Amino acid sequence: MVRKLKYHEQKLLRRLDLVNWEVSGGNLAEVRALRRYRVGRREDYVQYKALARAVRALARRLRDLGPASAAFRARCAAALLEKLYGLGLVNSRQSLAVCESLSASAFCRRRLPCLLVKLRMAQNLRHAVTFVEQGHVRVGPEVVTDPALLVPRAVEDFITWVDASRLRQKVLDYNQERDDFDLAA
């Protein structure tokens, strides 16, 4: 005999399932990864896990092909490794063993805020996520406001500040590289 919850109590407990709490809360490793890489939406991390699982399954299927299809296996393995290397998910193109150990963290490391920290454009991930959400960063000619953007290796060199960004002006002032033309603008 439990009393009916009041409206504000229902609102507080809306996302909490007291019967199946293990399922709704997720596991500890997932929460740790969400915090470590500052992934804002859990759905993104679930999608990264699904992609990593699909790549591992594909690598296993390629590995298990018989000797009759050795040429096909070599061609498909090279294509898979080239694709994953181009995306920046693996560090070498030599064997399928690196594909079988691919995790969702590899996808998280290729997100734009992580690369901002790697390129030393931000001190930590919290600041990097803020810079991206506020529109201070562009990738090529496009201003990016979504921190979930996965950046391939080929585009990694084109990550810069937006021209009108106050952060860019501060960096130029600090390096004493600010142009007089920029002062007029």
C-alpha atoms as a PDB file:
ATOM      1  CA  MET A   1       0.000   0.000   0.000  1.00  0.00           C
ATOM      2  CA  VAL A   2       1.929   2.924  -1.324  1.00  0.00           C
ATOM      3  CA  ARG A   3       0.390   6.319  -1.729  1.00  0.00           C
ATOM      4  CA  LYS A   4       0.057   7.921  -5.122  1.00  0.00           C
ATOM      5  CA  LEU A   5       2.939  10.240  -5.974  1.00  0.00           C
ATOM      6  CA  LYS A   6       2.280  13.945  -6.168  1.00  0.00           C
ATOM      7  CA  TYR A   7       2.924  15.850  -9.376  1.00  0.00           C
ATOM      8  CA  HIS A   8       6.330  17.229  -8.407  1.00  0.00           C
ATOM      9  CA  GLU A   9       7.411  13.789  -7.148  1.00  0.00           C
ATOM     10  CA  GLN A  10       6.406  12.213 -10.447  1.00  0.00           C
ATOM     11  CA  LYS A  11       8.328  14.905 -12.282  1.00  0.00           C
ATOM     12  CA  LEU A  12      11.465  14.236 -10.240  1.00  0.00           C
ATOM     13  CA  LEU A  13      11.226  10.472 -10.727  1.00  0.00           C
ATOM     14  CA  ARG A  14      10.215  10.644 -14.386  1.00  0.00           C
ATOM     15  CA  ARG A  15      13.447   9.159 -15.743  1.00  0.00           C
ATOM     16  CA  LEU A  16      14.071   6.751 -12.915  1.00  0.00           C
ATOM     17  CA  ASP A  17      12.850   3.190 -13.163  1.00  0.00           C
ATOM     18  CA  LEU A  18      13.007   1.652  -9.698  1.00  0.00           C
ATOM     19  CA  VAL A  19      12.175  -1.840 -10.939  1.00  0.00           C
ATOM     20  CA  ASN A  20      14.783  -2.220 -13.688  1.00  0.00           C
ATOM     21  CA  TRP A  21      17.427   0.227 -12.519  1.00  0.00           C
ATOM     22  CA  GLU A  22      20.405  -1.661 -13.977  1.00  0.00           C
ATOM     23  CA  VAL A  23      18.948  -1.443 -17.477  1.00  0.00           C
ATOM     24  CA  SER A  24      17.972   2.202 -17.321  1.00  0.00           C
ATOM     25  CA  GLY A  25      21.160   3.431 -15.663  1.00  0.00           C
ATOM     26  CA  GLY A  26      23.628   1.802 -18.038  1.00  0.00           C
ATOM     27  CA  ASN A  27      26.874   0.292 -16.982  1.00  0.00           C
ATOM     28  CA  LEU A  28      29.734   2.000 -15.232  1.00  0.00           C
ATOM     29  CA  ALA A  29      32.121   1.823 -18.192  1.00  0.00           C
ATOM     30  CA  GLU A  30      29.624   3.627 -20.392  1.00  0.00           C
ATOM     31  CA  VAL A  31      29.087   6.392 -17.850  1.00  0.00           C
ATOM     32  CA  ARG A  32      32.843   6.720 -17.404  1.00  0.00           C
ATOM     33  CA  ALA A  33      33.336   7.072 -21.178  1.00  0.00           C
ATOM     34  CA  LEU A  34      30.514   9.614 -21.435  1.00  0.00           C
ATOM     35  CA  ARG A  35      32.183  11.728 -18.777  1.00  0.00           C
ATOM     36  CA  ARG A  36      35.731  11.265 -20.022  1.00  0.00           C
ATOM     37  CA  TYR A  37      34.971  12.334 -23.600  1.00  0.00           C
ATOM     38  CA  ARG A  38      32.211  14.809 -22.670  1.00  0.00           C
ATOM     39  CA  VAL A  39      29.639  13.112 -24.871  1.00  0.00           C
ATOM     40  CA  GLY A  40      26.479  15.113 -24.352  1.00  0.00           C
ATOM     41  CA  ARG A  41      23.968  12.644 -25.734  1.00  0.00           C
ATOM     42  CA  ARG A  42      23.976   9.006 -24.708  1.00  0.00           C
ATOM     43  CA  GLU A  43      22.499   8.093 -28.103  1.00  0.00           C
ATOM     44  CA  ASP A  44      25.748   9.147 -29.775  1.00  0.00           C
ATOM     45  CA  TYR A  45      27.754   6.775 -27.609  1.00  0.00           C
ATOM     46  CA  VAL A  46      25.278   3.952 -28.242  1.00  0.00           C
ATOM     47  CA  GLN A  47      25.681   4.559 -31.963  1.00  0.00           C
ATOM     48  CA  TYR A  48      29.500   4.497 -31.621  1.00  0.00           C
ATOM     49  CA  LYS A  49      29.248   1.167 -29.800  1.00  0.00           C
ATOM     50  CA  ALA A  50      27.043  -0.244 -32.548  1.00  0.00           C
ATOM     51  CA  LEU A  51      29.440   0.927 -35.265  1.00  0.00           C
ATOM     52  CA  ALA A  52      32.435  -0.541 -33.444  1.00  0.00           C
ATOM     53  CA  ARG A  53      30.574  -3.821 -32.988  1.00  0.00           C
ATOM     54  CA  ALA A  54      29.719  -3.922 -36.710  1.00  0.00           C
ATOM     55  CA  VAL A  55      33.356  -3.287 -37.686  1.00  0.00           C
ATOM     56  CA  ARG A  56      34.565  -6.016 -35.318  1.00  0.00           C
ATOM     57  CA  ALA A  57      32.009  -8.451 -36.743  1.00  0.00           C
ATOM     58  CA  LEU A  58      33.039  -7.600 -40.301  1.00  0.00           C
ATOM     59  CA  ALA A  59      36.711  -8.088 -39.429  1.00  0.00           C
ATOM     60  CA  ARG A  60      35.910 -11.472 -37.857  1.00  0.00           C
ATOM     61  CA  ARG A  61      33.956 -12.557 -40.929  1.00  0.00           C
ATOM     62  CA  LEU A  62      36.817 -11.523 -43.196  1.00  0.00           C
ATOM     63  CA  ARG A  63      39.295 -13.391 -40.997  1.00  0.00           C
ATOM     64  CA  ASP A  64      37.186 -16.557 -41.075  1.00  0.00           C
ATOM     65  CA  LEU A  65      36.918 -16.736 -44.872  1.00  0.00           C
ATOM     66  CA  GLY A  66      38.420 -19.888 -46.332  1.00  0.00           C
ATOM     67  CA  PRO A  67      41.653 -20.168 -48.316  1.00  0.00           C
ATOM     68  CA  ALA A  68      39.699 -20.353 -51.578  1.00  0.00           C
ATOM     69  CA  SER A  69      38.794 -16.680 -51.299  1.00  0.00           C
ATOM     70  CA  ALA A  70      42.210 -15.324 -50.299  1.00  0.00           C
ATOM     71  CA  ALA A  71      42.275 -12.648 -53.012  1.00  0.00           C
ATOM     72  CA  PHE A  72      38.799 -11.419 -52.104  1.00  0.00           C
ATOM     73  CA  ARG A  73      39.713 -11.400 -48.412  1.00  0.00           C
ATOM     74  CA  ALA A  74      42.899  -9.399 -49.044  1.00  0.00           C
ATOM     75  CA  ARG A  75      41.054  -6.875 -51.211  1.00  0.00           C
ATOM     76  CA  CYS A  76      38.211  -6.380 -48.692  1.00  0.00           C
ATOM     77  CA  ALA A  77      40.585  -6.230 -45.726  1.00  0.00           C
ATOM     78  CA  ALA A  78      42.695  -3.583 -47.459  1.00  0.00           C
ATOM     79  CA  ALA A  79      39.578  -1.540 -48.267  1.00  0.00           C
ATOM     80  CA  LEU A  80      38.304  -1.792 -44.676  1.00  0.00           C
ATOM     81  CA  LEU A  81      41.681  -0.857 -43.201  1.00  0.00           C
ATOM     82  CA  GLU A  82      42.041   2.070 -45.609  1.00  0.00           C
ATOM     83  CA  LYS A  83      38.588   3.367 -44.684  1.00  0.00           C
ATOM     84  CA  LEU A  84      39.220   3.078 -40.942  1.00  0.00           C
ATOM     85  CA  TYR A  85      42.672   4.671 -41.287  1.00  0.00           C
ATOM     86  CA  GLY A  86      41.206   7.539 -43.308  1.00  0.00           C
ATOM     87  CA  LEU A  87      38.636   8.127 -40.580  1.00  0.00           C
ATOM     88  CA  GLY A  88      41.406   8.068 -37.987  1.00  0.00           C
ATOM     89  CA  LEU A  89      39.991   5.140 -36.051  1.00  0.00           C
ATOM     90  CA  VAL A  90      43.079   2.922 -36.405  1.00  0.00           C
ATOM     91  CA  ASN A  91      46.748   3.887 -36.459  1.00  0.00           C
ATOM     92  CA  SER A  92      48.050   1.364 -38.981  1.00  0.00           C
ATOM     93  CA  ARG A  93      46.868  -0.322 -42.163  1.00  0.00           C
ATOM     94  CA  GLN A  94      48.765  -3.555 -41.655  1.00  0.00           C
ATOM     95  CA  SER A  95      46.426  -6.203 -40.264  1.00  0.00           C
ATOM     96  CA  LEU A  96      42.838  -6.929 -39.318  1.00  0.00           C
ATOM     97  CA  ALA A  97      43.901  -7.442 -35.695  1.00  0.00           C
ATOM     98  CA  VAL A  98      43.585  -3.701 -35.088  1.00  0.00           C
ATOM     99  CA  CYS A  99      40.015  -3.818 -36.441  1.00  0.00           C
ATOM    100  CA  GLU A 100      39.063  -6.559 -34.027  1.00  0.00           C
ATOM    101  CA  SER A 101      40.047  -4.405 -31.065  1.00  0.00           C
ATOM    102  CA  LEU A 102      38.166  -1.296 -32.229  1.00  0.00           C
ATOM    103  CA  SER A 103      36.056   0.288 -29.497  1.00  0.00           C
ATOM    104  CA  ALA A 104      33.594   3.131 -29.128  1.00  0.00           C
ATOM    105  CA  SER A 105      36.346   5.188 -27.518  1.00  0.00           C
ATOM    106  CA  ALA A 106      38.106   5.368 -30.879  1.00  0.00           C
ATOM    107  CA  PHE A 107      35.052   7.135 -32.278  1.00  0.00           C
ATOM    108  CA  CYS A 108      34.962   9.438 -29.251  1.00  0.00           C
ATOM    109  CA  ARG A 109      38.606  10.379 -29.789  1.00  0.00           C
ATOM    110  CA  ARG A 110      37.779  11.570 -33.319  1.00  0.00           C
ATOM    111  CA  ARG A 111      35.117  14.014 -32.144  1.00  0.00           C
ATOM    112  CA  LEU A 112      35.858  17.690 -32.770  1.00  0.00           C
ATOM    113  CA  PRO A 113      36.356  18.737 -29.098  1.00  0.00           C
ATOM    114  CA  CYS A 114      38.902  15.945 -28.551  1.00  0.00           C
ATOM    115  CA  LEU A 115      40.828  17.114 -31.585  1.00  0.00           C
ATOM    116  CA  LEU A 116      40.737  20.695 -30.323  1.00  0.00           C
ATOM    117  CA  VAL A 117      42.447  19.514 -27.153  1.00  0.00           C
ATOM    118  CA  LYS A 118      44.913  17.452 -29.183  1.00  0.00           C
ATOM    119  CA  LEU A 119      45.741  20.472 -31.378  1.00  0.00           C
ATOM    120  CA  ARG A 120      46.094  22.600 -28.210  1.00  0.00           C
ATOM    121  CA  MET A 121      43.357  24.979 -29.233  1.00  0.00           C
ATOM    122  CA  ALA A 122      41.626  24.315 -25.892  1.00  0.00           C
ATOM    123  CA  GLN A 123      42.969  23.429 -22.470  1.00  0.00           C
ATOM    124  CA  ASN A 124      40.442  20.723 -21.676  1.00  0.00           C
ATOM    125  CA  LEU A 125      37.374  19.039 -23.124  1.00  0.00           C
ATOM    126  CA  ARG A 126      34.919  21.178 -21.205  1.00  0.00           C
ATOM    127  CA  HIS A 127      36.286  24.346 -22.799  1.00  0.00           C
ATOM    128  CA  ALA A 128      36.509  22.668 -26.201  1.00  0.00           C
ATOM    129  CA  VAL A 129      32.845  21.643 -26.103  1.00  0.00           C
ATOM    130  CA  THR A 130      31.902  25.188 -25.108  1.00  0.00           C
ATOM    131  CA  PHE A 131      33.941  26.693 -27.967  1.00  0.00           C
ATOM    132  CA  VAL A 132      32.284  24.413 -30.493  1.00  0.00           C
ATOM    133  CA  GLU A 133      28.760  25.004 -29.191  1.00  0.00           C
ATOM    134  CA  GLN A 134      29.265  28.773 -29.204  1.00  0.00           C
ATOM    135  CA  GLY A 135      30.431  28.731 -32.831  1.00  0.00           C
ATOM    136  CA  HIS A 136      34.092  29.704 -32.418  1.00  0.00           C
ATOM    137  CA  VAL A 137      35.427  26.795 -34.489  1.00  0.00           C
ATOM    138  CA  ARG A 138      35.220  26.018 -38.171  1.00  0.00           C
ATOM    139  CA  VAL A 139      36.232  22.965 -40.147  1.00  0.00           C
ATOM    140  CA  GLY A 140      37.236  24.118 -43.601  1.00  0.00           C
ATOM    141  CA  PRO A 141      34.811  26.868 -44.632  1.00  0.00           C
ATOM    142  CA  GLU A 142      31.923  25.604 -42.462  1.00  0.00           C
ATOM    143  CA  VAL A 143      31.255  26.860 -38.931  1.00  0.00           C
ATOM    144  CA  VAL A 144      30.524  23.865 -36.712  1.00  0.00           C
ATOM    145  CA  THR A 145      28.260  24.037 -33.668  1.00  0.00           C
ATOM    146  CA  ASP A 146      27.784  20.313 -33.113  1.00  0.00           C
ATOM    147  CA  PRO A 147      30.419  18.754 -30.819  1.00  0.00           C
ATOM    148  CA  ALA A 148      29.506  15.268 -32.097  1.00  0.00           C
ATOM    149  CA  LEU A 149      31.180  15.892 -35.468  1.00  0.00           C
ATOM    150  CA  LEU A 150      33.625  13.104 -36.354  1.00  0.00           C
ATOM    151  CA  VAL A 151      36.653  14.575 -38.116  1.00  0.00           C
ATOM    152  CA  PRO A 152      38.574  12.395 -40.609  1.00  0.00           C
ATOM    153  CA  ARG A 153      42.357  12.583 -40.945  1.00  0.00           C
ATOM    154  CA  ALA A 154      42.211  14.490 -44.231  1.00  0.00           C
ATOM    155  CA  VAL A 155      40.154  17.313 -42.703  1.00  0.00           C
ATOM    156  CA  GLU A 156      42.031  17.494 -39.406  1.00  0.00           C
ATOM    157  CA  ASP A 157      44.444  20.123 -40.757  1.00  0.00           C
ATOM    158  CA  PHE A 158      41.577  22.485 -41.630  1.00  0.00           C
ATOM    159  CA  ILE A 159      40.321  23.016 -38.068  1.00  0.00           C
ATOM    160  CA  THR A 160      40.669  26.734 -37.306  1.00  0.00           C
ATOM    161  CA  TRP A 161      39.021  29.573 -35.448  1.00  0.00           C
ATOM    162  CA  VAL A 162      36.202  31.514 -37.063  1.00  0.00           C
ATOM    163  CA  ASP A 163      37.467  34.823 -38.488  1.00  0.00           C
ATOM    164  CA  ALA A 164      35.158  36.961 -36.327  1.00  0.00           C
ATOM    165  CA  SER A 165      35.853  34.973 -33.151  1.00  0.00           C
ATOM    166  CA  ARG A 166      37.065  36.804 -30.062  1.00  0.00           C
ATOM    167  CA  LEU A 167      39.223  33.786 -29.243  1.00  0.00           C
ATOM    168  CA  ARG A 168      41.062  34.133 -32.552  1.00  0.00           C
ATOM    169  CA  GLN A 169      41.661  37.811 -31.829  1.00  0.00           C
ATOM    170  CA  LYS A 170      43.036  36.974 -28.383  1.00  0.00           C
ATOM    171  CA  VAL A 171      45.390  34.366 -29.843  1.00  0.00           C
ATOM    172  CA  LEU A 172      46.614  36.795 -32.493  1.00  0.00           C
ATOM    173  CA  ASP A 173      47.137  39.512 -29.865  1.00  0.00           C
ATOM    174  CA  TYR A 174      49.069  37.121 -27.662  1.00  0.00           C
ATOM    175  CA  ASN A 175      51.307  36.024 -30.543  1.00  0.00           C
ATOM    176  CA  GLN A 176      51.620  39.657 -31.708  1.00  0.00           C
ATOM    177  CA  GLU A 177      50.418  38.676 -35.174  1.00  0.00           C
ATOM    178  CA  ARG A 178      47.251  40.751 -35.360  1.00  0.00           C
ATOM    179  CA  ASP A 179      47.019  42.807 -38.542  1.00  0.00           C
ATOM    180  CA  ASP A 180      45.957  46.473 -38.646  1.00  0.00           C
ATOM    181  CA  PHE A 181      43.289  45.528 -41.163  1.00  0.00           C
ATOM    182  CA  ASP A 182      41.782  43.216 -38.549  1.00  0.00           C
ATOM    183  CA  LEU A 183      41.628  46.090 -36.052  1.00  0.00           C
ATOM    184  CA  ALA A 184      39.385  48.081 -38.396  1.00  0.00           C
ATOM    185  CA  ALA A 185      36.956  45.180 -38.804  1.00  0.00           C
END
